[in-house]
Amino acid sequence: MLDSAVLAPIYRDPRHDLRLVFIRRSPHGIHGGQIAFPGGRREPEDADLLATALREAEEEVGLNPRQVEVLTDLPIVETMATGYRVSPFLGRLNGAPPTWRRQETEIDEILEVRLDDLVRPEAHAVETWQLPGWSEPREIPFYWIGPHKLWGATYRIVGSIREYLATHTV
């Protein structure tokens, strides 16, 4: 397993609704087109996995680490298809979100999604998928974000965030 980390940025918008910040990866690469949190592989210069998550968020969306208050580390998620062990961190933005600066070679879009929109019953679905490398089809749960499907490791991380928020005020 390869170590990686993601930052799940969260903030309250002017209406005081909680919003999570996601990225939609560019179409190329192993995670092409997928909805994810900013993040990536641990590099040798990273002091720890939190440093990885903060570095990647700065590189991918222009989020200054000084604008983030890390609230908690979330349960580690292992990816089945790609062999990554993902360490997610939930980070509250201090103040308004910045003017996002998308890393154009890796990121097609930055999405600021109301948490309430993810918990609506119609936002959740399950389909049977057969992906390359799978020996048989599997049922895959996901959230609709507009026309996009948020699934896999990011889906599991969102579940951990919802559990955290059920007992903590942000």
C-alpha atoms as a PDB file:
ATOM      1  CA  MET A   1       0.000   0.000   0.000  1.00  0.00           C
ATOM      2  CA  LEU A   2       1.143   3.518  -0.832  1.00  0.00           C
ATOM      3  CA  ASP A   3       0.579   6.282   1.719  1.00  0.00           C
ATOM      4  CA  SER A   4      -1.450   9.277   0.657  1.00  0.00           C
ATOM      5  CA  ALA A   5      -3.503  11.961   2.365  1.00  0.00           C
ATOM      6  CA  VAL A   6      -6.414  14.247   1.587  1.00  0.00           C
ATOM      7  CA  LEU A   7      -7.779  17.395   3.152  1.00  0.00           C
ATOM      8  CA  ALA A   8     -11.555  17.725   3.416  1.00  0.00           C
ATOM      9  CA  PRO A   9     -12.021  21.509   3.626  1.00  0.00           C
ATOM     10  CA  ILE A  10     -15.254  22.593   5.300  1.00  0.00           C
ATOM     11  CA  TYR A  11     -16.697  26.047   5.945  1.00  0.00           C
ATOM     12  CA  ARG A  12     -19.935  27.904   6.640  1.00  0.00           C
ATOM     13  CA  ASP A  13     -21.234  30.014   3.780  1.00  0.00           C
ATOM     14  CA  PRO A  14     -22.942  33.420   4.311  1.00  0.00           C
ATOM     15  CA  ARG A  15     -26.236  31.583   5.007  1.00  0.00           C
ATOM     16  CA  HIS A  16     -24.405  29.515   7.669  1.00  0.00           C
ATOM     17  CA  ASP A  17     -24.776  26.306   5.652  1.00  0.00           C
ATOM     18  CA  LEU A  18     -21.869  23.866   5.917  1.00  0.00           C
ATOM     19  CA  ARG A  19     -20.036  23.314   2.649  1.00  0.00           C
ATOM     20  CA  LEU A  20     -17.417  20.741   1.721  1.00  0.00           C
ATOM     21  CA  VAL A  21     -14.849  21.507  -0.953  1.00  0.00           C
ATOM     22  CA  PHE A  22     -14.275  18.794  -3.559  1.00  0.00           C
ATOM     23  CA  ILE A  23     -12.319  18.613  -6.768  1.00  0.00           C
ATOM     24  CA  ARG A  24     -13.193  16.887 -10.011  1.00  0.00           C
ATOM     25  CA  ARG A  25     -10.031  15.411 -11.431  1.00  0.00           C
ATOM     26  CA  SER A  26      -9.101  15.933 -15.069  1.00  0.00           C
ATOM     27  CA  PRO A  27     -10.020  13.033 -17.361  1.00  0.00           C
ATOM     28  CA  HIS A  28      -6.549  11.489 -17.621  1.00  0.00           C
ATOM     29  CA  GLY A  29      -4.825   9.335 -15.011  1.00  0.00           C
ATOM     30  CA  ILE A  30      -5.933   6.538 -12.734  1.00  0.00           C
ATOM     31  CA  HIS A  31      -8.590   8.666 -10.996  1.00  0.00           C
ATOM     32  CA  GLY A  32      -9.595  10.550 -14.151  1.00  0.00           C
ATOM     33  CA  GLY A  33     -12.881  12.437 -13.895  1.00  0.00           C
ATOM     34  CA  GLN A  34     -13.561  11.377 -10.305  1.00  0.00           C
ATOM     35  CA  ILE A  35     -14.831  13.595  -7.500  1.00  0.00           C
ATOM     36  CA  ALA A  36     -12.318  13.708  -4.653  1.00  0.00           C
ATOM     37  CA  PHE A  37     -10.877  15.851  -1.913  1.00  0.00           C
ATOM     38  CA  PRO A  38      -7.615  17.662  -2.607  1.00  0.00           C
ATOM     39  CA  GLY A  39      -4.767  15.290  -1.880  1.00  0.00           C
ATOM     40  CA  GLY A  40      -2.210  12.865  -3.142  1.00  0.00           C
ATOM     41  CA  ARG A  41       0.818  10.717  -2.460  1.00  0.00           C
ATOM     42  CA  ARG A  42       3.160  11.369   0.427  1.00  0.00           C
ATOM     43  CA  GLU A  43       6.467  12.834  -0.751  1.00  0.00           C
ATOM     44  CA  PRO A  44       9.799  12.278   1.036  1.00  0.00           C
ATOM     45  CA  GLU A  45       9.944  15.951   2.115  1.00  0.00           C
ATOM     46  CA  ASP A  46       6.547  15.746   3.886  1.00  0.00           C
ATOM     47  CA  ALA A  47       7.032  15.657   7.668  1.00  0.00           C
ATOM     48  CA  ASP A  48       3.879  13.547   8.087  1.00  0.00           C
ATOM     49  CA  LEU A  49       0.614  12.776   6.343  1.00  0.00           C
ATOM     50  CA  LEU A  50      -1.019  15.990   7.546  1.00  0.00           C
ATOM     51  CA  ALA A  51       1.798  17.874   5.815  1.00  0.00           C
ATOM     52  CA  THR A  52       1.006  15.865   2.677  1.00  0.00           C
ATOM     53  CA  ALA A  53      -2.686  16.810   2.820  1.00  0.00           C
ATOM     54  CA  LEU A  54      -1.938  20.514   3.373  1.00  0.00           C
ATOM     55  CA  ARG A  55       0.738  20.612   0.635  1.00  0.00           C
ATOM     56  CA  GLU A  56      -1.538  18.908  -1.862  1.00  0.00           C
ATOM     57  CA  ALA A  57      -4.465  21.239  -1.045  1.00  0.00           C
ATOM     58  CA  GLU A  58      -2.223  24.229  -1.627  1.00  0.00           C
ATOM     59  CA  GLU A  59      -0.908  22.800  -4.911  1.00  0.00           C
ATOM     60  CA  GLU A  60      -4.277  21.655  -6.268  1.00  0.00           C
ATOM     61  CA  VAL A  61      -6.679  24.430  -5.214  1.00  0.00           C
ATOM     62  CA  GLY A  62      -4.482  27.234  -3.837  1.00  0.00           C
ATOM     63  CA  LEU A  63      -5.520  26.785  -0.200  1.00  0.00           C
ATOM     64  CA  ASN A  64      -2.970  28.383   2.121  1.00  0.00           C
ATOM     65  CA  PRO A  65      -2.293  26.000   5.051  1.00  0.00           C
ATOM     66  CA  ARG A  66      -2.520  28.972   7.452  1.00  0.00           C
ATOM     67  CA  GLN A  67      -6.204  29.308   6.473  1.00  0.00           C
ATOM     68  CA  VAL A  68      -6.980  25.801   7.762  1.00  0.00           C
ATOM     69  CA  GLU A  69      -7.782  24.691  11.292  1.00  0.00           C
ATOM     70  CA  VAL A  70      -7.486  20.910  11.326  1.00  0.00           C
ATOM     71  CA  LEU A  71     -10.440  19.593  13.314  1.00  0.00           C
ATOM     72  CA  THR A  72      -9.654  15.882  13.267  1.00  0.00           C
ATOM     73  CA  ASP A  73      -8.024  13.074  11.409  1.00  0.00           C
ATOM     74  CA  LEU A  74     -10.630  10.694  10.045  1.00  0.00           C
ATOM     75  CA  PRO A  75     -10.424   6.893   9.726  1.00  0.00           C
ATOM     76  CA  ILE A  76      -7.901   5.679   7.169  1.00  0.00           C
ATOM     77  CA  VAL A  77      -9.421   4.385   3.930  1.00  0.00           C
ATOM     78  CA  GLU A  78      -7.725   1.760   1.782  1.00  0.00           C
ATOM     79  CA  THR A  79      -8.512   1.778  -1.911  1.00  0.00           C
ATOM     80  CA  MET A  80      -9.219  -1.549  -3.529  1.00  0.00           C
ATOM     81  CA  ALA A  81      -8.315  -0.761  -7.110  1.00  0.00           C
ATOM     82  CA  THR A  82      -5.256   1.460  -6.748  1.00  0.00           C
ATOM     83  CA  GLY A  83      -3.500   0.233  -3.603  1.00  0.00           C
ATOM     84  CA  TYR A  84      -3.501   3.497  -1.682  1.00  0.00           C
ATOM     85  CA  ARG A  85      -3.900   3.930   2.071  1.00  0.00           C
ATOM     86  CA  VAL A  86      -5.580   7.340   2.356  1.00  0.00           C
ATOM     87  CA  SER A  87      -5.297   9.396   5.553  1.00  0.00           C
ATOM     88  CA  PRO A  88      -8.099  12.016   5.496  1.00  0.00           C
ATOM     89  CA  PHE A  89      -8.111  15.188   7.581  1.00  0.00           C
ATOM     90  CA  LEU A  90     -11.120  17.438   8.173  1.00  0.00           C
ATOM     91  CA  GLY A  91     -10.088  21.085   8.100  1.00  0.00           C
ATOM     92  CA  ARG A  92     -12.226  24.140   8.813  1.00  0.00           C
ATOM     93  CA  LEU A  93     -11.428  27.216   6.751  1.00  0.00           C
ATOM     94  CA  ASN A  94     -10.673  30.279   8.841  1.00  0.00           C
ATOM     95  CA  GLY A  95     -12.792  32.998   7.276  1.00  0.00           C
ATOM     96  CA  ALA A  96     -14.286  33.034   3.807  1.00  0.00           C
ATOM     97  CA  PRO A  97     -13.002  30.555   1.270  1.00  0.00           C
ATOM     98  CA  PRO A  98     -10.152  31.906  -0.818  1.00  0.00           C
ATOM     99  CA  THR A  99     -10.295  32.627  -4.506  1.00  0.00           C
ATOM    100  CA  TRP A 100      -9.584  29.089  -5.608  1.00  0.00           C
ATOM    101  CA  ARG A 101      -6.551  28.537  -7.831  1.00  0.00           C
ATOM    102  CA  ARG A 102      -7.083  25.276  -9.713  1.00  0.00           C
ATOM    103  CA  GLN A 103      -4.053  23.220 -10.760  1.00  0.00           C
ATOM    104  CA  GLU A 104      -5.143  22.998 -14.386  1.00  0.00           C
ATOM    105  CA  THR A 105      -3.115  19.906 -15.292  1.00  0.00           C
ATOM    106  CA  GLU A 106      -4.814  17.784 -12.600  1.00  0.00           C
ATOM    107  CA  ILE A 107      -8.098  19.470 -11.677  1.00  0.00           C
ATOM    108  CA  ASP A 108     -11.043  20.198 -13.996  1.00  0.00           C
ATOM    109  CA  GLU A 109     -13.314  21.778 -11.413  1.00  0.00           C
ATOM    110  CA  ILE A 110     -13.563  22.864  -7.778  1.00  0.00           C
ATOM    111  CA  LEU A 111     -16.943  22.140  -6.197  1.00  0.00           C
ATOM    112  CA  GLU A 112     -18.302  23.746  -3.022  1.00  0.00           C
ATOM    113  CA  VAL A 113     -21.130  21.422  -2.003  1.00  0.00           C
ATOM    114  CA  ARG A 114     -23.691  22.082   0.726  1.00  0.00           C
ATOM    115  CA  LEU A 115     -23.607  19.207   3.193  1.00  0.00           C
ATOM    116  CA  ASP A 116     -27.420  19.324   3.310  1.00  0.00           C
ATOM    117  CA  ASP A 117     -27.458  18.560  -0.434  1.00  0.00           C
ATOM    118  CA  LEU A 118     -25.521  15.324   0.176  1.00  0.00           C
ATOM    119  CA  VAL A 119     -27.867  14.065   2.897  1.00  0.00           C
ATOM    120  CA  ARG A 120     -31.054  14.439   0.832  1.00  0.00           C
ATOM    121  CA  PRO A 121     -32.392  10.945   0.021  1.00  0.00           C
ATOM    122  CA  GLU A 122     -32.481  11.687  -3.718  1.00  0.00           C
ATOM    123  CA  ALA A 123     -28.746  12.531  -3.668  1.00  0.00           C
ATOM    124  CA  HIS A 124     -27.889   8.949  -2.690  1.00  0.00           C
ATOM    125  CA  ALA A 125     -28.040   5.964  -5.043  1.00  0.00           C
ATOM    126  CA  VAL A 126     -26.647   2.475  -5.569  1.00  0.00           C
ATOM    127  CA  GLU A 127     -25.820   0.924  -8.937  1.00  0.00           C
ATOM    128  CA  THR A 128     -24.206  -2.305 -10.068  1.00  0.00           C
ATOM    129  CA  TRP A 129     -20.916  -1.590 -11.844  1.00  0.00           C
ATOM    130  CA  GLN A 130     -18.336  -3.726 -13.602  1.00  0.00           C
ATOM    131  CA  LEU A 131     -15.034  -1.865 -13.670  1.00  0.00           C
ATOM    132  CA  PRO A 132     -11.784  -2.960 -15.353  1.00  0.00           C
ATOM    133  CA  GLY A 133      -9.873  -5.401 -13.165  1.00  0.00           C
ATOM    134  CA  TRP A 134     -12.944  -6.539 -11.225  1.00  0.00           C
ATOM    135  CA  SER A 135     -13.733 -10.227 -11.461  1.00  0.00           C
ATOM    136  CA  GLU A 136     -17.468  -9.576 -11.159  1.00  0.00           C
ATOM    137  CA  PRO A 137     -19.937  -6.670 -10.934  1.00  0.00           C
ATOM    138  CA  ARG A 138     -20.403  -4.960  -7.557  1.00  0.00           C
ATOM    139  CA  GLU A 139     -23.008  -2.732  -5.985  1.00  0.00           C
ATOM    140  CA  ILE A 140     -21.535   0.756  -5.651  1.00  0.00           C
ATOM    141  CA  PRO A 141     -23.162   3.384  -3.420  1.00  0.00           C
ATOM    142  CA  PHE A 142     -22.642   7.005  -4.438  1.00  0.00           C
ATOM    143  CA  TYR A 143     -23.856  10.585  -4.036  1.00  0.00           C
ATOM    144  CA  TRP A 144     -25.023  12.663  -6.956  1.00  0.00           C
ATOM    145  CA  ILE A 145     -23.262  16.035  -7.163  1.00  0.00           C
ATOM    146  CA  GLY A 146     -24.948  17.626 -10.140  1.00  0.00           C
ATOM    147  CA  PRO A 147     -24.270  15.261 -13.056  1.00  0.00           C
ATOM    148  CA  HIS A 148     -21.299  13.647 -11.269  1.00  0.00           C
ATOM    149  CA  LYS A 149     -21.113  10.556  -9.061  1.00  0.00           C
ATOM    150  CA  LEU A 150     -19.081  10.753  -5.839  1.00  0.00           C
ATOM    151  CA  TRP A 151     -18.110   7.180  -4.934  1.00  0.00           C
ATOM    152  CA  GLY A 152     -15.310   4.960  -3.635  1.00  0.00           C
ATOM    153  CA  ALA A 153     -12.854   6.244  -1.047  1.00  0.00           C
ATOM    154  CA  THR A 154     -14.311   9.759  -1.144  1.00  0.00           C
ATOM    155  CA  TYR A 155     -17.783   8.350  -0.482  1.00  0.00           C
ATOM    156  CA  ARG A 156     -16.452   6.524   2.586  1.00  0.00           C
ATOM    157  CA  ILE A 157     -14.670   9.666   3.811  1.00  0.00           C
ATOM    158  CA  VAL A 158     -17.898  11.679   3.500  1.00  0.00           C
ATOM    159  CA  GLY A 159     -19.555   9.037   5.707  1.00  0.00           C
ATOM    160  CA  SER A 160     -16.854   9.584   8.351  1.00  0.00           C
ATOM    161  CA  ILE A 161     -17.345  13.353   8.131  1.00  0.00           C
ATOM    162  CA  ARG A 162     -21.087  12.950   8.650  1.00  0.00           C
ATOM    163  CA  GLU A 163     -20.425  10.771  11.729  1.00  0.00           C
ATOM    164  CA  TYR A 164     -18.001  13.377  13.115  1.00  0.00           C
ATOM    165  CA  LEU A 165     -20.461  16.217  12.524  1.00  0.00           C
ATOM    166  CA  ALA A 166     -23.241  14.322  14.295  1.00  0.00           C
ATOM    167  CA  THR A 167     -21.386  14.868  17.588  1.00  0.00           C
ATOM    168  CA  HIS A 168     -19.309  18.015  16.945  1.00  0.00           C
ATOM    169  CA  THR A 169     -20.202  21.602  16.099  1.00  0.00           C
ATOM    170  CA  VAL A 170     -18.311  23.248  13.247  1.00  0.00           C
END
